[in-house]
Amino acid sequence: MLETPQPSSVADVKEALGRAGYLADEPAALVAYLAQRLGKPVLVEGPAGVGKTELAKALSRATERHLIRLQCYEGLDEAKALYEWNYRKQLLRIQVDSAMDRRPATDPPREPKPDASAEGSAGKAMGDIFAEEFLLTRPLLQAIASTEPVVLLIDEIDKTDQEFEAMLLEVLSDFQISIPELGVIEARTHPIVVLTSNNSRELTEALKRRCLYLWLDYPEVEREMEIVRLHSPEIDERLARRLVEVVHMVRQLDLKKPPSIAESIDWARALLLLGADDLDSSVFERTMSIIVKHRTDMDLVAERVGVKLGGARLDVETAG
C-alpha cells in the first residue's frame, strides 16, 4: 500500500479545513487528524443538516483527494455498493466465441486430440468472461482499487440494514474486497473513510469498534454566525446575528424538519440578493420557506416566531 503525506498536528488539519471552507471545532479537527494518522474510518453521527457530509467533502478538498461517495438507502445491496458483472458484455463475448467455433474450417477436418473436450472449452469461456474487463465497479471497489488517494464517503449508513453493515466489515478492517471469480483486491492507497449517520437506528457494535467516533450537533449562535459569514462575507454582522438567532428559535420548536446550517447560509444569501438590511416580520414571512420546508411547520413557525419579529430583541432561550 502506497504511503501518503500525513498532517503534522491537529492545528494543521483545522487550518486546512478552514481553507477548504469548513470551520471545524476541536473535536472535529482532532478526529480528522487521527483518521489520517491512524488510518481508521470515522463515524460521524448527529441530526440532519449539521455538516456531517460537508466534513467529508472538506477533507477531500483539504487533502486534495478525489471524493468517492456511496449514498445509502433502504434496500442497498452489494451489487450497487461493491461491484457487479456486465452481463450484456459477457453474453456478447459468449455469442462471439460460439460463432467463431461454428465458423467453417479452411483446412481438412482433423481428429480431435484426446485431451480436447467440450467441458474444457466451457471452462475456458467461463474464465474469459470473469475477467476485470467485464467488471462494473461501484463506489466501495472504486475506492479500494484506486491508484490515487481518495476520500470514501459512506453517507447515511443508518438507512441500510445490519447485513449491509456486516459486508462493510472486511472493507473497513482490512481495506480489501473479496471477489470469488477474481480473488482478493487490496487497497493500493489508504483511503480516508467517513461514515455518516442521522442516528435513525442503532448501528452494530462491530461497526462502531472499527471507527473513530464524532458527534456533531447544531452549533452555538457565535459559531453559526462565523459559518454564515464565511460563506456570505458581504452580510452585515448585525443582520447575520439576527438571522442566526431566528434560526435557533425555529430549531427549538417541535418541527418535522429543523433548519440545517446549509439553509441558514442559503437564507443569508437570499437576504443579500433581496437587499434586506433587517429581518422584520414582513421579510421573515416572505422568505420563511427557505428554512421551513413543511406546510404544518410553516404555520407553527409563523405563529411562534413570526409574531416576535416586530422589532423587539430576540430571546432565543424563551422561543420554545
Protein backbone atom coordinates (compact mmCIF):
# COMPACT_ATOMS: atom_id res chain seq x y z
CA MET A 1 0.00 0.00 0.00
CA LEU A 2 1.43 3.36 -1.03
CA GLU A 3 2.19 5.90 1.70
CA THR A 4 0.53 9.33 1.52
CA PRO A 5 1.55 12.62 3.18
CA GLN A 6 0.36 12.90 6.79
CA PRO A 7 -0.65 16.06 8.70
CA SER A 8 1.77 17.08 11.44
CA SER A 9 -0.73 18.38 14.00
CA VAL A 10 -4.39 18.91 14.84
CA ALA A 11 -3.89 22.63 14.30
CA ASP A 12 -2.69 21.97 10.74
CA VAL A 13 -5.81 19.93 10.00
CA LYS A 14 -8.07 22.61 11.47
CA GLU A 15 -6.36 25.28 9.37
CA ALA A 16 -6.56 23.17 6.20
CA LEU A 17 -10.27 22.52 6.74
CA GLY A 18 -10.76 26.26 7.26
CA ARG A 19 -9.09 26.99 3.93
CA ALA A 20 -11.44 24.41 2.40
CA GLY A 21 -14.45 26.35 3.72
CA TYR A 22 -15.22 24.25 6.80
CA LEU A 23 -14.95 25.77 10.29
CA ALA A 24 -14.13 22.69 12.36
CA ASP A 25 -14.28 22.74 16.14
CA GLU A 26 -11.63 20.98 18.21
CA PRO A 27 -13.33 17.54 18.31
CA ALA A 28 -13.89 17.52 14.53
CA ALA A 29 -10.31 18.62 13.81
CA LEU A 30 -8.94 16.02 16.24
CA VAL A 31 -10.90 13.15 14.69
CA ALA A 32 -9.93 14.26 11.17
CA TYR A 33 -6.27 14.30 12.24
CA LEU A 34 -6.43 10.87 13.89
CA ALA A 35 -8.25 9.37 10.91
CA GLN A 36 -5.32 10.26 8.70
CA ARG A 37 -2.57 9.28 11.15
CA LEU A 38 -4.15 6.05 12.43
CA GLY A 39 -5.77 5.05 9.15
CA LYS A 40 -9.12 4.36 10.83
CA PRO A 41 -12.59 5.14 9.46
CA VAL A 42 -14.62 7.91 11.11
CA LEU A 43 -18.27 7.51 12.09
CA VAL A 44 -19.95 10.92 12.28
CA GLU A 45 -23.39 10.98 13.89
CA GLY A 46 -25.81 13.82 14.57
CA PRO A 47 -29.03 15.46 13.42
CA ALA A 48 -29.63 16.03 9.72
CA GLY A 49 -28.09 19.23 8.41
CA VAL A 50 -25.26 19.81 10.89
CA GLY A 51 -22.40 19.38 8.39
CA LYS A 52 -21.56 15.67 8.56
CA THR A 53 -21.41 15.19 4.79
CA GLU A 54 -19.72 18.55 4.35
CA LEU A 55 -16.89 17.42 6.67
CA ALA A 56 -16.05 14.60 4.26
CA LYS A 57 -16.20 16.97 1.29
CA ALA A 58 -13.95 19.46 3.08
CA LEU A 59 -11.47 16.68 3.90
CA SER A 60 -11.40 15.84 0.20
CA ARG A 61 -10.64 19.46 -0.72
CA ALA A 62 -8.13 19.97 2.11
CA THR A 63 -6.14 16.82 1.28
CA GLU A 64 -6.57 17.19 -2.50
CA ARG A 65 -8.03 13.69 -2.69
CA HIS A 66 -10.79 12.64 -5.05
CA LEU A 67 -14.14 12.15 -3.25
CA ILE A 68 -15.98 8.86 -3.85
CA ARG A 69 -19.49 8.87 -2.39
CA LEU A 70 -21.78 5.95 -1.62
CA GLN A 71 -25.25 7.30 -0.86
CA CYS A 72 -27.01 4.69 1.27
CA TYR A 73 -30.71 3.90 1.10
CA GLU A 74 -33.07 1.18 2.27
CA GLY A 75 -32.51 -1.99 0.27
CA LEU A 76 -28.98 -1.11 -0.87
CA ASP A 77 -27.18 -4.34 -1.78
CA GLU A 78 -23.65 -5.45 -2.59
CA ALA A 79 -24.16 -5.13 -6.35
CA LYS A 80 -24.75 -1.38 -6.04
CA ALA A 81 -22.11 -0.80 -3.38
CA LEU A 82 -19.26 -3.15 -4.36
CA TYR A 83 -19.41 -4.45 -7.93
CA GLU A 84 -21.46 -6.37 -10.44
CA TRP A 85 -20.71 -8.19 -13.65
CA ASN A 86 -21.54 -6.68 -17.02
CA TYR A 87 -23.92 -9.43 -18.10
CA ARG A 88 -24.62 -7.94 -21.54
CA LYS A 89 -20.94 -7.76 -22.35
CA GLN A 90 -20.40 -11.29 -21.05
CA LEU A 91 -23.27 -12.59 -23.18
CA LEU A 92 -21.88 -10.84 -26.23
CA ARG A 93 -18.48 -12.47 -25.65
CA ILE A 94 -20.10 -15.91 -25.36
CA GLN A 95 -22.07 -15.32 -28.58
CA VAL A 96 -18.93 -14.21 -30.43
CA ASP A 97 -16.96 -17.22 -29.18
CA SER A 98 -19.79 -19.55 -30.19
CA ALA A 99 -19.90 -18.02 -33.66
CA MET A 100 -16.15 -18.47 -34.01
CA ASP A 101 -16.45 -22.12 -33.01
CA ARG A 102 -19.12 -22.69 -35.69
CA ARG A 103 -17.10 -20.99 -38.46
CA PRO A 104 -16.28 -23.37 -41.36
CA ALA A 105 -12.73 -24.61 -41.30
CA THR A 106 -10.49 -23.91 -44.30
CA ASP A 107 -8.34 -26.93 -43.65
CA PRO A 108 -9.50 -30.54 -43.88
CA PRO A 109 -11.07 -31.71 -40.61
CA ARG A 110 -8.75 -33.44 -38.24
CA GLU A 111 -9.41 -35.88 -35.47
CA PRO A 112 -9.77 -34.11 -32.10
CA LYS A 113 -6.95 -34.50 -29.66
CA PRO A 114 -7.64 -36.83 -26.76
CA ASP A 115 -7.48 -34.01 -24.16
CA ALA A 116 -9.75 -31.61 -26.07
CA SER A 117 -13.26 -31.67 -24.60
CA ALA A 118 -16.39 -29.56 -24.52
CA GLU A 119 -16.00 -29.22 -20.79
CA GLY A 120 -12.56 -27.72 -21.21
CA SER A 121 -13.82 -25.21 -23.75
CA ALA A 122 -16.71 -24.26 -21.49
CA GLY A 123 -14.34 -23.78 -18.57
CA LYS A 124 -12.12 -21.51 -20.64
CA ALA A 125 -15.12 -19.47 -21.79
CA MET A 126 -16.29 -19.03 -18.21
CA GLY A 127 -12.81 -17.92 -17.18
CA ASP A 128 -12.68 -15.42 -20.03
CA ILE A 129 -15.96 -13.70 -19.12
CA PHE A 130 -14.99 -13.27 -15.44
CA ALA A 131 -12.05 -11.02 -16.15
CA GLU A 132 -11.66 -7.40 -14.96
CA GLU A 133 -12.82 -6.05 -18.33
CA PHE A 134 -16.32 -7.37 -17.54
CA LEU A 135 -16.39 -5.91 -14.01
CA LEU A 136 -18.58 -2.89 -13.23
CA THR A 137 -17.02 -1.20 -10.21
CA ARG A 138 -19.20 0.55 -7.64
CA PRO A 139 -18.09 3.11 -5.01
CA LEU A 140 -16.54 0.71 -2.47
CA LEU A 141 -14.48 -1.15 -5.06
CA GLN A 142 -13.58 2.11 -6.80
CA ALA A 143 -12.12 3.42 -3.54
CA ILE A 144 -10.19 0.21 -2.85
CA ALA A 145 -8.86 -0.18 -6.39
CA SER A 146 -7.96 3.49 -6.93
CA THR A 147 -4.30 4.15 -7.67
CA GLU A 148 -4.67 7.69 -6.27
CA PRO A 149 -5.53 8.53 -2.63
CA VAL A 150 -9.25 9.13 -2.14
CA VAL A 151 -11.81 10.10 0.50
CA LEU A 152 -14.58 7.50 0.69
CA LEU A 153 -17.88 8.91 1.98
CA ILE A 154 -20.47 6.32 3.05
CA ASP A 155 -23.40 8.65 3.57
CA GLU A 156 -26.37 7.86 5.85
CA ILE A 157 -25.25 4.36 6.76
CA ASP A 158 -28.18 4.12 9.21
CA LYS A 159 -30.57 3.76 6.24
CA THR A 160 -29.16 0.30 5.42
CA ASP A 161 -29.63 -2.93 7.37
CA GLN A 162 -27.30 -4.97 9.57
CA GLU A 163 -26.49 -7.37 6.74
CA PHE A 164 -25.03 -4.49 4.76
CA GLU A 165 -23.01 -3.40 7.80
CA ALA A 166 -21.60 -6.91 8.07
CA MET A 167 -20.49 -6.75 4.44
CA LEU A 168 -18.66 -3.50 5.21
CA LEU A 169 -16.52 -5.04 7.94
CA GLU A 170 -13.98 -6.54 5.53
CA VAL A 171 -13.62 -3.22 3.76
CA LEU A 172 -13.21 -1.20 6.96
CA SER A 173 -10.97 -3.71 8.77
CA ASP A 174 -8.57 -4.84 6.07
CA PHE A 175 -9.24 -2.38 3.23
CA GLN A 176 -9.77 -5.24 0.83
CA ILE A 177 -12.64 -6.80 -1.12
CA SER A 178 -13.02 -10.48 -1.96
CA ILE A 179 -14.38 -11.30 -5.42
CA PRO A 180 -14.91 -15.08 -5.77
CA GLU A 181 -14.13 -15.12 -9.50
CA LEU A 182 -11.02 -12.92 -9.24
CA GLY A 183 -9.69 -13.28 -5.70
CA VAL A 184 -8.87 -10.58 -3.14
CA ILE A 185 -8.38 -6.97 -4.25
CA GLU A 186 -6.36 -4.99 -1.71
CA ALA A 187 -6.21 -1.21 -1.42
CA ARG A 188 -3.31 0.33 -3.32
CA THR A 189 -3.50 3.53 -1.27
CA HIS A 190 -5.10 4.11 2.12
CA PRO A 191 -8.47 5.85 1.72
CA ILE A 192 -9.82 8.27 4.31
CA VAL A 193 -13.22 6.76 5.14
CA VAL A 194 -16.07 8.83 6.58
CA LEU A 195 -19.39 7.22 7.50
CA THR A 196 -22.32 9.48 8.41
CA SER A 197 -25.47 8.62 10.33
CA ASN A 198 -28.54 10.65 11.28
CA ASN A 199 -28.93 8.30 14.25
CA SER A 200 -32.26 6.94 12.98
CA ARG A 201 -31.27 3.46 14.21
CA GLU A 202 -28.59 1.98 16.42
CA LEU A 203 -25.56 0.77 14.47
CA THR A 204 -23.90 -2.53 15.32
CA GLU A 205 -21.10 -2.67 17.88
CA ALA A 206 -18.88 -4.47 15.35
CA LEU A 207 -19.08 -1.47 13.03
CA LYS A 208 -18.53 1.07 15.79
CA ARG A 209 -15.44 -0.78 17.09
CA ARG A 210 -13.72 -0.24 13.77
CA CYS A 211 -14.34 3.50 13.68
CA LEU A 212 -13.31 6.68 15.39
CA TYR A 213 -16.42 8.49 16.63
CA LEU A 214 -17.60 12.07 16.28
CA TRP A 215 -20.93 13.56 17.36
CA LEU A 216 -21.89 16.76 15.53
CA ASP A 217 -24.72 18.94 16.79
CA TYR A 218 -26.13 22.29 15.77
CA PRO A 219 -23.54 24.97 16.58
CA GLU A 220 -23.96 27.77 19.09
CA VAL A 221 -25.03 31.21 17.85
CA GLU A 222 -21.49 32.61 17.67
CA ARG A 223 -20.12 29.60 15.78
CA GLU A 224 -23.00 29.56 13.32
CA MET A 225 -22.51 33.29 12.72
CA GLU A 226 -18.90 32.56 11.78
CA ILE A 227 -20.06 29.85 9.36
CA VAL A 228 -22.68 32.10 7.76
CA ARG A 229 -20.23 34.98 7.36
CA LEU A 230 -17.59 32.66 5.94
CA HIS A 231 -19.95 31.71 3.10
CA SER A 232 -21.62 35.14 2.83
CA PRO A 233 -18.88 37.63 3.78
CA GLU A 234 -20.90 40.59 2.44
CA ILE A 235 -23.64 40.22 5.05
CA ASP A 236 -23.77 42.78 7.84
CA GLU A 237 -22.78 41.39 11.23
CA ARG A 238 -25.96 42.67 12.89
CA LEU A 239 -28.17 41.07 10.23
CA ALA A 240 -26.19 37.82 10.43
CA ARG A 241 -26.68 37.67 14.18
CA ARG A 242 -30.41 38.34 13.90
CA LEU A 243 -30.74 35.68 11.20
CA VAL A 244 -28.91 33.06 13.25
CA GLU A 245 -30.91 33.89 16.37
CA VAL A 246 -34.13 33.39 14.42
CA VAL A 247 -32.87 30.05 13.08
CA HIS A 248 -32.11 28.94 16.64
CA MET A 249 -35.59 29.97 17.74
CA VAL A 250 -37.07 27.91 14.91
CA ARG A 251 -34.98 24.84 15.81
CA GLN A 252 -36.35 24.87 19.35
CA LEU A 253 -39.87 24.25 18.07
CA ASP A 254 -41.31 20.78 17.54
CA LEU A 255 -40.85 20.61 13.77
CA LYS A 256 -40.80 17.79 11.24
CA LYS A 257 -37.54 19.20 9.86
CA PRO A 258 -35.47 21.80 11.72
CA PRO A 259 -33.42 24.18 9.52
CA SER A 260 -29.95 22.96 8.61
CA ILE A 261 -26.77 25.01 8.60
CA ALA A 262 -26.83 24.95 4.79
CA GLU A 263 -30.30 26.53 4.90
CA SER A 264 -29.00 29.27 7.22
CA ILE A 265 -26.37 30.04 4.58
CA ASP A 266 -28.99 29.98 1.80
CA TRP A 267 -31.16 32.37 3.80
CA ALA A 268 -28.28 34.79 4.28
CA ARG A 269 -27.56 34.76 0.54
CA ALA A 270 -31.25 35.30 -0.25
CA LEU A 271 -31.46 38.30 2.08
CA LEU A 272 -28.40 39.79 0.39
CA LEU A 273 -29.95 39.33 -3.05
CA LEU A 274 -33.18 40.95 -1.86
CA GLY A 275 -31.28 43.90 -0.41
CA ALA A 276 -32.68 43.35 3.09
CA ASP A 277 -30.88 45.28 5.81
CA ASP A 278 -33.04 43.94 8.64
CA LEU A 279 -35.07 40.85 9.44
CA ASP A 280 -38.51 42.08 10.44
CA SER A 281 -41.83 40.22 10.34
CA SER A 282 -42.50 41.23 6.73
CA VAL A 283 -39.15 39.97 5.40
CA PHE A 284 -39.48 36.84 7.52
CA GLU A 285 -42.89 35.95 6.10
CA ARG A 286 -41.64 36.43 2.53
CA THR A 287 -38.52 34.32 2.95
CA MET A 288 -39.53 31.80 5.64
CA SER A 289 -39.84 28.99 3.08
CA ILE A 290 -36.05 28.98 2.65
CA ILE A 291 -35.60 27.48 6.12
CA VAL A 292 -39.01 25.85 6.73
CA LYS A 293 -39.97 23.10 4.27
CA HIS A 294 -43.23 21.60 5.60
CA ARG A 295 -46.66 23.23 5.48
CA THR A 296 -47.55 22.40 9.08
CA ASP A 297 -44.13 23.63 10.23
CA MET A 298 -44.71 26.93 8.43
CA ASP A 299 -47.94 27.52 10.35
CA LEU A 300 -46.25 26.80 13.68
CA VAL A 301 -43.20 28.95 12.90
CA ALA A 302 -45.35 31.85 11.71
CA GLU A 303 -47.36 31.68 14.92
CA ARG A 304 -44.49 31.21 17.37
CA VAL A 305 -41.63 33.12 15.73
CA GLY A 306 -43.14 35.49 13.18
CA VAL A 307 -45.03 37.44 15.83
CA LYS A 308 -41.79 38.00 17.77
CA LEU A 309 -40.18 39.89 14.89
CA GLY A 310 -42.00 43.17 15.29
CA GLY A 311 -38.78 44.87 16.31
CA ALA A 312 -38.24 43.62 19.83
CA ARG A 313 -34.98 41.99 20.83
CA LEU A 314 -35.00 38.25 20.15
CA ASP A 315 -34.79 35.91 23.11
CA VAL A 316 -33.54 32.55 21.92
CA GLU A 317 -33.97 30.87 25.30
CA THR A 318 -37.74 31.55 25.55
CA ALA A 319 -38.71 30.91 21.91
CA GLY A 320 -39.96 27.38 22.57
